[in-house]
C-alpha atoms as a PDB file:
ATOM      1  CA  UNK A   1       0.802   0.056  21.262  1.00  0.00           C
ATOM      2  CA  UNK A   2       0.589   3.880  21.561  1.00  0.00           C
ATOM      3  CA  UNK A   3       3.286   5.716  19.723  1.00  0.00           C
ATOM      4  CA  UNK A   4       5.245   8.295  21.801  1.00  0.00           C
ATOM      5  CA  UNK A   5       8.011  10.546  20.611  1.00  0.00           C
ATOM      6  CA  UNK A   6      10.502  11.757  23.171  1.00  0.00           C
ATOM      7  CA  UNK A   7      12.936  14.654  22.750  1.00  0.00           C
ATOM      8  CA  UNK A   8      15.515  15.078  25.541  1.00  0.00           C
ATOM      9  CA  UNK A   9      18.839  16.831  26.124  1.00  0.00           C
ATOM     10  CA  UNK A  10      20.633  19.142  28.405  1.00  0.00           C
ATOM     11  CA  UNK A  11      19.406  22.533  29.426  1.00  0.00           C
ATOM     12  CA  UNK A  12      19.778  25.295  26.764  1.00  0.00           C
ATOM     13  CA  UNK A  13      20.479  22.790  23.943  1.00  0.00           C
ATOM     14  CA  UNK A  14      17.308  24.002  22.090  1.00  0.00           C
ATOM     15  CA  UNK A  15      14.726  21.443  22.859  1.00  0.00           C
ATOM     16  CA  UNK A  16      11.707  23.774  22.874  1.00  0.00           C
ATOM     17  CA  UNK A  17      12.333  25.133  19.408  1.00  0.00           C
ATOM     18  CA  UNK A  18      12.974  21.741  17.838  1.00  0.00           C
ATOM     19  CA  UNK A  19      10.049  19.979  19.578  1.00  0.00           C
ATOM     20  CA  UNK A  20       7.681  22.789  18.369  1.00  0.00           C
ATOM     21  CA  UNK A  21       8.883  22.332  14.736  1.00  0.00           C
ATOM     22  CA  UNK A  22       8.590  18.593  14.988  1.00  0.00           C
ATOM     23  CA  UNK A  23       5.049  18.885  16.399  1.00  0.00           C
ATOM     24  CA  UNK A  24       3.997  21.010  13.566  1.00  0.00           C
ATOM     25  CA  UNK A  25       5.171  18.472  11.045  1.00  0.00           C
ATOM     26  CA  UNK A  26       3.770  15.477  12.860  1.00  0.00           C
ATOM     27  CA  UNK A  27       0.513  16.898  14.116  1.00  0.00           C
ATOM     28  CA  UNK A  28       1.698  16.630  17.638  1.00  0.00           C
ATOM     29  CA  UNK A  29       1.155  18.118  21.124  1.00  0.00           C
ATOM     30  CA  UNK A  30       3.921  18.642  23.614  1.00  0.00           C
ATOM     31  CA  UNK A  31       4.080  17.377  27.153  1.00  0.00           C
ATOM     32  CA  UNK A  32       6.698  19.086  29.240  1.00  0.00           C
ATOM     33  CA  UNK A  33       9.135  16.826  31.070  1.00  0.00           C
ATOM     34  CA  UNK A  34      10.644  19.478  33.353  1.00  0.00           C
ATOM     35  CA  UNK A  35      10.359  19.078  37.146  1.00  0.00           C
ATOM     36  CA  UNK A  36      10.168  22.880  37.759  1.00  0.00           C
ATOM     37  CA  UNK A  37       7.977  23.998  34.940  1.00  0.00           C
ATOM     38  CA  UNK A  38       4.962  22.474  36.695  1.00  0.00           C
ATOM     39  CA  UNK A  39       5.033  25.338  39.166  1.00  0.00           C
ATOM     40  CA  UNK A  40       3.049  28.509  38.567  1.00  0.00           C
ATOM     41  CA  UNK A  41       4.953  31.836  38.724  1.00  0.00           C
ATOM     42  CA  UNK A  42       8.299  30.236  38.201  1.00  0.00           C
ATOM     43  CA  UNK A  43       8.647  31.188  34.509  1.00  0.00           C
ATOM     44  CA  UNK A  44      11.962  32.900  33.921  1.00  0.00           C
ATOM     45  CA  UNK A  45      14.184  30.767  36.117  1.00  0.00           C
ATOM     46  CA  UNK A  46      12.780  27.515  34.652  1.00  0.00           C
ATOM     47  CA  UNK A  47      13.013  28.768  31.014  1.00  0.00           C
ATOM     48  CA  UNK A  48       9.352  27.993  30.650  1.00  0.00           C
ATOM     49  CA  UNK A  49       8.256  28.507  27.016  1.00  0.00           C
ATOM     50  CA  UNK A  50       6.300  31.684  26.380  1.00  0.00           C
ATOM     51  CA  UNK A  51       3.149  31.659  24.378  1.00  0.00           C
ATOM     52  CA  UNK A  52       5.187  33.007  21.450  1.00  0.00           C
ATOM     53  CA  UNK A  53       7.694  30.226  21.734  1.00  0.00           C
ATOM     54  CA  UNK A  54       4.892  27.664  21.935  1.00  0.00           C
ATOM     55  CA  UNK A  55       3.840  28.956  18.536  1.00  0.00           C
ATOM     56  CA  UNK A  56       0.258  27.630  18.672  1.00  0.00           C
ATOM     57  CA  UNK A  57       1.292  24.069  19.637  1.00  0.00           C
ATOM     58  CA  UNK A  58      -0.556  22.786  22.729  1.00  0.00           C
ATOM     59  CA  UNK A  59       1.785  22.354  25.674  1.00  0.00           C
ATOM     60  CA  UNK A  60       0.873  20.321  28.708  1.00  0.00           C
ATOM     61  CA  UNK A  61       2.140  19.870  32.338  1.00  0.00           C
ATOM     62  CA  UNK A  62       3.066  23.609  32.657  1.00  0.00           C
ATOM     63  CA  UNK A  63       1.705  25.640  35.557  1.00  0.00           C
ATOM     64  CA  UNK A  64       0.114  22.578  37.304  1.00  0.00           C
ATOM     65  CA  UNK A  65       0.648  23.559  40.993  1.00  0.00           C
ATOM     66  CA  UNK A  66       1.562  26.573  43.135  1.00  0.00           C
ATOM     67  CA  UNK A  67       5.145  26.742  44.584  1.00  0.00           C
ATOM     68  CA  UNK A  68       5.101  24.998  47.975  1.00  0.00           C
ATOM     69  CA  UNK A  69       2.286  22.604  47.124  1.00  0.00           C
ATOM     70  CA  UNK A  70       3.329  18.876  47.311  1.00  0.00           C
ATOM     71  CA  UNK A  71       3.986  17.432  43.895  1.00  0.00           C
ATOM     72  CA  UNK A  72       5.780  14.165  43.410  1.00  0.00           C
ATOM     73  CA  UNK A  73       7.286  12.211  40.595  1.00  0.00           C
ATOM     74  CA  UNK A  74       4.406   9.781  40.979  1.00  0.00           C
ATOM     75  CA  UNK A  75       1.931  12.661  40.539  1.00  0.00           C
ATOM     76  CA  UNK A  76       3.816  13.624  37.346  1.00  0.00           C
ATOM     77  CA  UNK A  77       3.697  10.064  36.061  1.00  0.00           C
ATOM     78  CA  UNK A  78      -0.020   9.685  36.550  1.00  0.00           C
ATOM     79  CA  UNK A  79      -0.892  13.043  34.906  1.00  0.00           C
ATOM     80  CA  UNK A  80       1.510  12.815  32.068  1.00  0.00           C
ATOM     81  CA  UNK A  81       0.308   9.344  31.133  1.00  0.00           C
ATOM     82  CA  UNK A  82      -3.304  10.617  31.202  1.00  0.00           C
ATOM     83  CA  UNK A  83      -2.241  13.473  28.825  1.00  0.00           C
ATOM     84  CA  UNK A  84      -0.662  10.943  26.451  1.00  0.00           C
ATOM     85  CA  UNK A  85      -3.935   9.018  26.453  1.00  0.00           C
ATOM     86  CA  UNK A  86      -5.990  12.181  25.778  1.00  0.00           C
ATOM     87  CA  UNK A  87      -3.716  13.533  23.002  1.00  0.00           C
ATOM     88  CA  UNK A  88      -3.763  10.128  21.277  1.00  0.00           C
ATOM     89  CA  UNK A  89      -7.578   9.950  21.566  1.00  0.00           C
ATOM     90  CA  UNK A  90      -7.624  13.284  19.588  1.00  0.00           C
ATOM     91  CA  UNK A  91      -5.705  11.619  16.824  1.00  0.00           C
ATOM     92  CA  UNK A  92      -2.581  13.565  17.484  1.00  0.00           C
ATOM     93  CA  UNK A  93       1.002  12.436  18.342  1.00  0.00           C
ATOM     94  CA  UNK A  94       2.074  12.908  22.008  1.00  0.00           C
ATOM     95  CA  UNK A  95       5.569  14.359  22.259  1.00  0.00           C
ATOM     96  CA  UNK A  96       7.321  14.239  25.621  1.00  0.00           C
ATOM     97  CA  UNK A  97      10.015  16.906  25.645  1.00  0.00           C
ATOM     98  CA  UNK A  98      12.253  18.048  28.507  1.00  0.00           C
ATOM     99  CA  UNK A  99      15.407  17.595  30.483  1.00  0.00           C
ATOM    100  CA  UNK A 100      14.380  15.939  33.758  1.00  0.00           C
ATOM    101  CA  UNK A 101      15.473  12.323  33.159  1.00  0.00           C
ATOM    102  CA  UNK A 102      13.613  10.860  36.167  1.00  0.00           C
ATOM    103  CA  UNK A 103      10.288  12.393  34.887  1.00  0.00           C
ATOM    104  CA  UNK A 104      10.846  10.804  31.474  1.00  0.00           C
ATOM    105  CA  UNK A 105      11.746   7.414  32.914  1.00  0.00           C
ATOM    106  CA  UNK A 106       8.768   7.628  35.281  1.00  0.00           C
ATOM    107  CA  UNK A 107       6.389   7.904  32.290  1.00  0.00           C
ATOM    108  CA  UNK A 108       7.796   5.442  29.828  1.00  0.00           C
ATOM    109  CA  UNK A 109       9.207   2.685  32.213  1.00  0.00           C
ATOM    110  CA  UNK A 110       7.355   0.463  34.676  1.00  0.00           C
ATOM    111  CA  UNK A 111       8.047   2.552  37.773  1.00  0.00           C
ATOM    112  CA  UNK A 112       6.327   1.649  41.001  1.00  0.00           C
ATOM    113  CA  UNK A 113       6.144   4.623  43.324  1.00  0.00           C
ATOM    114  CA  UNK A 114       5.457   4.922  47.033  1.00  0.00           C
ATOM    115  CA  UNK A 115       1.952   6.412  47.339  1.00  0.00           C
ATOM    116  CA  UNK A 116       2.892   8.987  49.982  1.00  0.00           C
ATOM    117  CA  UNK A 117       2.754  12.742  49.288  1.00  0.00           C
ATOM    118  CA  UNK A 118       5.097  15.039  51.223  1.00  0.00           C
ATOM    119  CA  UNK A 119       3.331  16.060  54.438  1.00  0.00           C
ATOM    120  CA  UNK A 120       5.345  19.147  55.455  1.00  0.00           C
ATOM    121  CA  UNK A 121       3.554  19.436  58.803  1.00  0.00           C
ATOM    122  CA  UNK A 122       4.361  15.840  59.767  1.00  0.00           C
ATOM    123  CA  UNK A 123       7.890  16.260  58.496  1.00  0.00           C
ATOM    124  CA  UNK A 124       8.370  19.420  60.579  1.00  0.00           C
ATOM    125  CA  UNK A 125       7.104  17.660  63.605  1.00  0.00           C
ATOM    126  CA  UNK A 126       9.430  14.755  63.164  1.00  0.00           C
ATOM    127  CA  UNK A 127      12.381  17.014  62.679  1.00  0.00           C
ATOM    128  CA  UNK A 128      11.387  18.912  65.844  1.00  0.00           C
ATOM    129  CA  UNK A 129      11.251  15.638  67.686  1.00  0.00           C
ATOM    130  CA  UNK A 130      14.720  14.865  66.546  1.00  0.00           C
ATOM    131  CA  UNK A 131      15.979  18.188  67.852  1.00  0.00           C
ATOM    132  CA  UNK A 132      14.189  18.061  71.184  1.00  0.00           C
ATOM    133  CA  UNK A 133      14.381  14.311  72.021  1.00  0.00           C
ATOM    134  CA  UNK A 134      17.342  13.245  69.955  1.00  0.00           C
ATOM    135  CA  UNK A 135      17.597  11.449  66.688  1.00  0.00           C
ATOM    136  CA  UNK A 136      18.243   8.154  68.454  1.00  0.00           C
ATOM    137  CA  UNK A 137      14.595   8.243  69.654  1.00  0.00           C
ATOM    138  CA  UNK A 138      13.315   8.509  66.055  1.00  0.00           C
ATOM    139  CA  UNK A 139      15.608   5.736  65.037  1.00  0.00           C
ATOM    140  CA  UNK A 140      14.317   3.370  67.763  1.00  0.00           C
ATOM    141  CA  UNK A 141      10.759   4.207  66.617  1.00  0.00           C
ATOM    142  CA  UNK A 142      11.665   3.305  63.054  1.00  0.00           C
ATOM    143  CA  UNK A 143      13.230   0.089  64.214  1.00  0.00           C
ATOM    144  CA  UNK A 144       9.979  -0.888  65.754  1.00  0.00           C
ATOM    145  CA  UNK A 145       7.669  -0.069  62.918  1.00  0.00           C
ATOM    146  CA  UNK A 146      10.093  -0.930  60.037  1.00  0.00           C
ATOM    147  CA  UNK A 147      13.106  -3.040  61.128  1.00  0.00           C
ATOM    148  CA  UNK A 148      13.946  -3.889  57.472  1.00  0.00           C
ATOM    149  CA  UNK A 149      14.406  -0.167  56.552  1.00  0.00           C
ATOM    150  CA  UNK A 150      16.036   0.590  59.852  1.00  0.00           C
ATOM    151  CA  UNK A 151      18.723  -2.042  59.199  1.00  0.00           C
ATOM    152  CA  UNK A 152      19.964  -0.262  56.053  1.00  0.00           C
ATOM    153  CA  UNK A 153      19.500   3.366  57.228  1.00  0.00           C
ATOM    154  CA  UNK A 154      22.331   4.776  59.313  1.00  0.00           C
ATOM    155  CA  UNK A 155      21.232   5.896  62.867  1.00  0.00           C
ATOM    156  CA  UNK A 156      22.621   9.405  62.020  1.00  0.00           C
ATOM    157  CA  UNK A 157      20.869   9.823  58.724  1.00  0.00           C
ATOM    158  CA  UNK A 158      18.053  12.167  59.822  1.00  0.00           C
ATOM    159  CA  UNK A 159      16.674  12.797  56.305  1.00  0.00           C
ATOM    160  CA  UNK A 160      16.117   9.096  55.531  1.00  0.00           C
ATOM    161  CA  UNK A 161      14.843   8.314  59.044  1.00  0.00           C
ATOM    162  CA  UNK A 162      12.257  11.125  58.843  1.00  0.00           C
ATOM    163  CA  UNK A 163      11.141  10.105  55.332  1.00  0.00           C
ATOM    164  CA  UNK A 164      10.681   6.423  56.335  1.00  0.00           C
ATOM    165  CA  UNK A 165       8.581   7.495  59.343  1.00  0.00           C
ATOM    166  CA  UNK A 166       6.689   9.874  57.161  1.00  0.00           C
ATOM    167  CA  UNK A 167       5.809   7.064  54.713  1.00  0.00           C
ATOM    168  CA  UNK A 168       4.696   4.826  57.592  1.00  0.00           C
ATOM    169  CA  UNK A 169       2.484   7.540  59.213  1.00  0.00           C
ATOM    170  CA  UNK A 170       1.019   8.707  55.788  1.00  0.00           C
ATOM    171  CA  UNK A 171       0.222   5.280  54.176  1.00  0.00           C
ATOM    172  CA  UNK A 172      -0.107   3.053  57.210  1.00  0.00           C
ATOM    173  CA  UNK A 173       2.513   0.751  55.795  1.00  0.00           C
ATOM    174  CA  UNK A 174       6.272   0.715  56.303  1.00  0.00           C
ATOM    175  CA  UNK A 175       8.612   2.001  53.683  1.00  0.00           C
ATOM    176  CA  UNK A 176      10.038  -1.530  53.132  1.00  0.00           C
ATOM    177  CA  UNK A 177       6.513  -2.739  52.250  1.00  0.00           C
ATOM    178  CA  UNK A 178       6.268  -0.330  49.370  1.00  0.00           C
ATOM    179  CA  UNK A 179       9.674  -0.992  48.168  1.00  0.00           C
ATOM    180  CA  UNK A 180       9.022  -4.631  47.789  1.00  0.00           C
ATOM    181  CA  UNK A 181       5.889  -4.166  45.649  1.00  0.00           C
ATOM    182  CA  UNK A 182       6.501  -5.526  42.067  1.00  0.00           C
ATOM    183  CA  UNK A 183       6.683  -3.126  39.102  1.00  0.00           C
ATOM    184  CA  UNK A 184       4.634  -3.691  36.008  1.00  0.00           C
ATOM    185  CA  UNK A 185       6.563  -5.818  33.574  1.00  0.00           C
ATOM    186  CA  UNK A 186       5.115  -4.720  30.265  1.00  0.00           C
ATOM    187  CA  UNK A 187       6.261  -2.135  27.753  1.00  0.00           C
ATOM    188  CA  UNK A 188       4.120   0.913  27.979  1.00  0.00           C
ATOM    189  CA  UNK A 189       4.678   2.763  24.669  1.00  0.00           C
ATOM    190  CA  UNK A 190       6.102   2.374  21.162  1.00  0.00           C
ATOM    191  CA  UNK A 191       9.000   4.784  21.631  1.00  0.00           C
ATOM    192  CA  UNK A 192      11.201   6.897  19.491  1.00  0.00           C
ATOM    193  CA  UNK A 193      13.712   8.728  21.803  1.00  0.00           C
ATOM    194  CA  UNK A 194      15.712  11.590  20.350  1.00  0.00           C
ATOM    195  CA  UNK A 195      18.570  13.182  22.307  1.00  0.00           C
ATOM    196  CA  UNK A 196      19.689  16.639  21.222  1.00  0.00           C
ATOM    197  CA  UNK A 197      23.374  17.597  21.790  1.00  0.00           C
ATOM    198  CA  UNK A 198      25.707  20.447  20.832  1.00  0.00           C
ATOM    199  CA  UNK A 199      29.464  20.863  20.945  1.00  0.00           C
ATOM    200  CA  UNK A 200      30.335  21.638  24.542  1.00  0.00           C
ATOM    201  CA  UNK A 201      31.765  25.151  23.958  1.00  0.00           C
ATOM    202  CA  UNK A 202      28.754  26.131  22.130  1.00  0.00           C
ATOM    203  CA  UNK A 203      26.350  24.748  24.739  1.00  0.00           C
ATOM    204  CA  UNK A 204      28.217  26.448  27.555  1.00  0.00           C
ATOM    205  CA  UNK A 205      28.173  29.750  25.685  1.00  0.00           C
ATOM    206  CA  UNK A 206      24.377  29.405  25.207  1.00  0.00           C
ATOM    207  CA  UNK A 207      24.027  28.688  28.919  1.00  0.00           C
ATOM    208  CA  UNK A 208      25.944  31.876  29.828  1.00  0.00           C
ATOM    209  CA  UNK A 209      23.891  33.929  27.430  1.00  0.00           C
ATOM    210  CA  UNK A 210      20.630  32.378  28.765  1.00  0.00           C
ATOM    211  CA  UNK A 211      21.542  33.441  32.397  1.00  0.00           C
ATOM    212  CA  UNK A 212      22.255  37.008  31.290  1.00  0.00           C
ATOM    213  CA  UNK A 213      18.973  37.217  29.446  1.00  0.00           C
ATOM    214  CA  UNK A 214      17.055  35.740  32.398  1.00  0.00           C
ATOM    215  CA  UNK A 215      18.413  38.551  34.565  1.00  0.00           C
ATOM    216  CA  UNK A 216      17.291  41.067  32.040  1.00  0.00           C
ATOM    217  CA  UNK A 217      13.825  39.526  31.997  1.00  0.00           C
ATOM    218  CA  UNK A 218      13.318  39.720  35.698  1.00  0.00           C
ATOM    219  CA  UNK A 219      14.802  36.583  37.285  1.00  0.00           C
ATOM    220  CA  UNK A 220      15.735  38.447  40.440  1.00  0.00           C
ATOM    221  CA  UNK A 221      12.110  39.609  40.942  1.00  0.00           C
ATOM    222  CA  UNK A 222      10.955  35.959  40.698  1.00  0.00           C
ATOM    223  CA  UNK A 223      13.492  34.897  43.260  1.00  0.00           C
ATOM    224  CA  UNK A 224      12.378  37.783  45.547  1.00  0.00           C
ATOM    225  CA  UNK A 225       8.745  36.599  45.349  1.00  0.00           C
ATOM    226  CA  UNK A 226       9.754  33.128  46.328  1.00  0.00           C
ATOM    227  CA  UNK A 227      11.809  34.359  49.239  1.00  0.00           C
ATOM    228  CA  UNK A 228       8.992  36.572  50.329  1.00  0.00           C
ATOM    229  CA  UNK A 229       6.683  33.591  50.401  1.00  0.00           C
ATOM    230  CA  UNK A 230       9.049  31.810  52.798  1.00  0.00           C
ATOM    231  CA  UNK A 231       9.711  29.097  50.215  1.00  0.00           C
ATOM    232  CA  UNK A 232      13.518  29.227  50.351  1.00  0.00           C
ATOM    233  CA  UNK A 233      14.041  26.797  53.201  1.00  0.00           C
ATOM    234  CA  UNK A 234      11.616  23.965  52.625  1.00  0.00           C
ATOM    235  CA  UNK A 235      10.408  24.308  49.109  1.00  0.00           C
ATOM    236  CA  UNK A 236      12.260  22.521  46.316  1.00  0.00           C
ATOM    237  CA  UNK A 237      12.880  25.866  44.567  1.00  0.00           C
ATOM    238  CA  UNK A 238      15.840  26.137  47.079  1.00  0.00           C
ATOM    239  CA  UNK A 239      17.306  23.210  45.160  1.00  0.00           C
ATOM    240  CA  UNK A 240      16.300  24.525  41.778  1.00  0.00           C
ATOM    241  CA  UNK A 241      19.040  25.999  39.618  1.00  0.00           C
ATOM    242  CA  UNK A 242      17.921  29.517  38.707  1.00  0.00           C
ATOM    243  CA  UNK A 243      16.652  30.596  42.118  1.00  0.00           C
ATOM    244  CA  UNK A 244      18.740  29.227  44.997  1.00  0.00           C
ATOM    245  CA  UNK A 245      21.837  30.923  43.686  1.00  0.00           C
ATOM    246  CA  UNK A 246      20.273  34.367  44.204  1.00  0.00           C
ATOM    247  CA  UNK A 247      18.938  33.831  47.733  1.00  0.00           C
ATOM    248  CA  UNK A 248      22.361  34.661  49.272  1.00  0.00           C
ATOM    249  CA  UNK A 249      22.560  37.850  47.221  1.00  0.00           C
ATOM    250  CA  UNK A 250      19.032  38.905  48.168  1.00  0.00           C
ATOM    251  CA  UNK A 251      20.010  38.445  51.785  1.00  0.00           C
ATOM    252  CA  UNK A 252      23.103  40.606  51.299  1.00  0.00           C
ATOM    253  CA  UNK A 253      25.530  37.768  51.725  1.00  0.00           C
ATOM    254  CA  UNK A 254      27.224  38.073  48.376  1.00  0.00           C
ATOM    255  CA  UNK A 255      27.431  40.270  45.302  1.00  0.00           C
ATOM    256  CA  UNK A 256      25.197  40.050  42.245  1.00  0.00           C
ATOM    257  CA  UNK A 257      28.211  39.158  40.104  1.00  0.00           C
ATOM    258  CA  UNK A 258      29.112  36.335  42.417  1.00  0.00           C
ATOM    259  CA  UNK A 259      25.589  35.025  42.414  1.00  0.00           C
ATOM    260  CA  UNK A 260      25.422  35.250  38.599  1.00  0.00           C
ATOM    261  CA  UNK A 261      28.634  33.328  38.058  1.00  0.00           C
ATOM    262  CA  UNK A 262      27.520  30.784  40.557  1.00  0.00           C
ATOM    263  CA  UNK A 263      24.350  30.184  38.553  1.00  0.00           C
ATOM    264  CA  UNK A 264      26.300  29.882  35.315  1.00  0.00           C
ATOM    265  CA  UNK A 265      28.625  27.307  36.789  1.00  0.00           C
ATOM    266  CA  UNK A 266      25.802  25.430  38.437  1.00  0.00           C
ATOM    267  CA  UNK A 267      23.875  25.341  35.151  1.00  0.00           C
ATOM    268  CA  UNK A 268      26.877  24.024  33.221  1.00  0.00           C
ATOM    269  CA  UNK A 269      27.299  21.237  35.818  1.00  0.00           C
ATOM    270  CA  UNK A 270      23.592  20.424  35.616  1.00  0.00           C
ATOM    271  CA  UNK A 271      23.823  20.086  31.851  1.00  0.00           C
ATOM    272  CA  UNK A 272      26.727  17.677  32.281  1.00  0.00           C
ATOM    273  CA  UNK A 273      24.707  15.515  34.686  1.00  0.00           C
ATOM    274  CA  UNK A 274      21.732  15.565  32.274  1.00  0.00           C
ATOM    275  CA  UNK A 275      23.986  14.295  29.415  1.00  0.00           C
ATOM    276  CA  UNK A 276      25.364  11.558  31.626  1.00  0.00           C
ATOM    277  CA  UNK A 277      21.842  10.425  32.572  1.00  0.00           C
ATOM    278  CA  UNK A 278      20.497  10.346  29.036  1.00  0.00           C
ATOM    279  CA  UNK A 279      23.632   8.816  27.494  1.00  0.00           C
ATOM    280  CA  UNK A 280      23.146   5.849  29.752  1.00  0.00           C
ATOM    281  CA  UNK A 281      19.901   5.078  28.080  1.00  0.00           C
ATOM    282  CA  UNK A 282      20.647   3.058  24.950  1.00  0.00           C
ATOM    283  CA  UNK A 283      17.214   3.838  23.525  1.00  0.00           C
ATOM    284  CA  UNK A 284      18.162   7.426  22.824  1.00  0.00           C
ATOM    285  CA  UNK A 285      19.218   8.269  19.252  1.00  0.00           C
ATOM    286  CA  UNK A 286      21.444  11.386  19.183  1.00  0.00           C
ATOM    287  CA  UNK A 287      20.943  14.310  16.782  1.00  0.00           C
ATOM    288  CA  UNK A 288      23.349  17.160  16.702  1.00  0.00           C
ATOM    289  CA  UNK A 289      22.122  20.713  16.770  1.00  0.00           C
ATOM    290  CA  UNK A 290      24.191  23.927  16.372  1.00  0.00           C
ATOM    291  CA  UNK A 291      27.537  24.305  14.429  1.00  0.00           C
ATOM    292  CA  UNK A 292      25.542  26.108  11.702  1.00  0.00           C
ATOM    293  CA  UNK A 293      22.969  23.325  11.343  1.00  0.00           C
ATOM    294  CA  UNK A 294      19.571  24.855  10.712  1.00  0.00           C
ATOM    295  CA  UNK A 295      16.456  23.935  12.578  1.00  0.00           C
ATOM    296  CA  UNK A 296      14.993  22.547   9.357  1.00  0.00           C
ATOM    297  CA  UNK A 297      18.008  20.225   8.917  1.00  0.00           C
ATOM    298  CA  UNK A 298      17.636  18.931  12.450  1.00  0.00           C
ATOM    299  CA  UNK A 299      13.933  18.450  12.152  1.00  0.00           C
ATOM    300  CA  UNK A 300      14.295  16.585   8.933  1.00  0.00           C
ATOM    301  CA  UNK A 301      16.811  14.217  10.510  1.00  0.00           C
ATOM    302  CA  UNK A 302      14.424  13.496  13.370  1.00  0.00           C
ATOM    303  CA  UNK A 303      11.551  12.879  10.934  1.00  0.00           C
ATOM    304  CA  UNK A 304      13.694  10.393   9.091  1.00  0.00           C
ATOM    305  CA  UNK A 305      14.436   8.541  12.234  1.00  0.00           C
ATOM    306  CA  UNK A 306      10.748   8.504  13.179  1.00  0.00           C
ATOM    307  CA  UNK A 307       9.692   7.340   9.701  1.00  0.00           C
ATOM    308  CA  UNK A 308      12.253   4.572   9.745  1.00  0.00           C
ATOM    309  CA  UNK A 309      11.312   3.354  13.149  1.00  0.00           C
ATOM    310  CA  UNK A 310       7.526   3.498  12.767  1.00  0.00           C
ATOM    311  CA  UNK A 311       7.605   2.507   8.968  1.00  0.00           C
ATOM    312  CA  UNK A 312       5.824   5.717   7.996  1.00  0.00           C
ATOM    313  CA  UNK A 313       5.659   6.749   4.441  1.00  0.00           C
END
């Protein structure tokens, strides 16, 4: 079974630096597991590693699509698994590193996804129908084409009604059909999962410093470009920490200080959610960084875990 090393943890914990050091020691290549780093032009707000930070180690799944282009977790799953296959074929170790827990799970676990890309035009038409004809009309339509899904979706839940009809129109099958398809029941990889953590005060201070540095590097300019492209309302960047916090400032609705503090708070909350997600996975072996531990010490601890698990000399 193909070996796969995974390095996860909350934002700003130091995953990039450690993953690069480990890759150098294990002849590895890194596959990003970050849901926003796939987008071109979104560099500062997503903390995308620079060429200098990549330090000559091949990085994959960065800059895959333009902002606004449809890109699903299923797309990521398919592409990342192919990258794993290609890296292994070159005789190197694939290392999946990042903080988007769903992306990691999608790659390593037997997830069965609905094969329906987001059709923004169709979605907009359905939403317009809801406004003009009433949501009850869409719900009746859903009840006709997918009574199973309609039974569990509330008649006032516009988002889920629209999504269910979008799946039906895009795939030709109702949402309930896809949800009943069986997942694969075989392990996909021989895993070693490493989780990096820092003492909370230290992590939060790093988050605050990172936000200040992002502003110095031009985060506002990136947010302006997204806003100018009309991506604030429908594109996922509006939900992405690092951009949405500044849209109100750029519209003149709040001060820069307020927007900056909002970003710091939102990032700290996000880090807490990430830790909750990864701590729920018992396969993760936790390694502490920070508190005067050097990168070499951290990497050596990870290498020992890897060697013990895979019986490497």
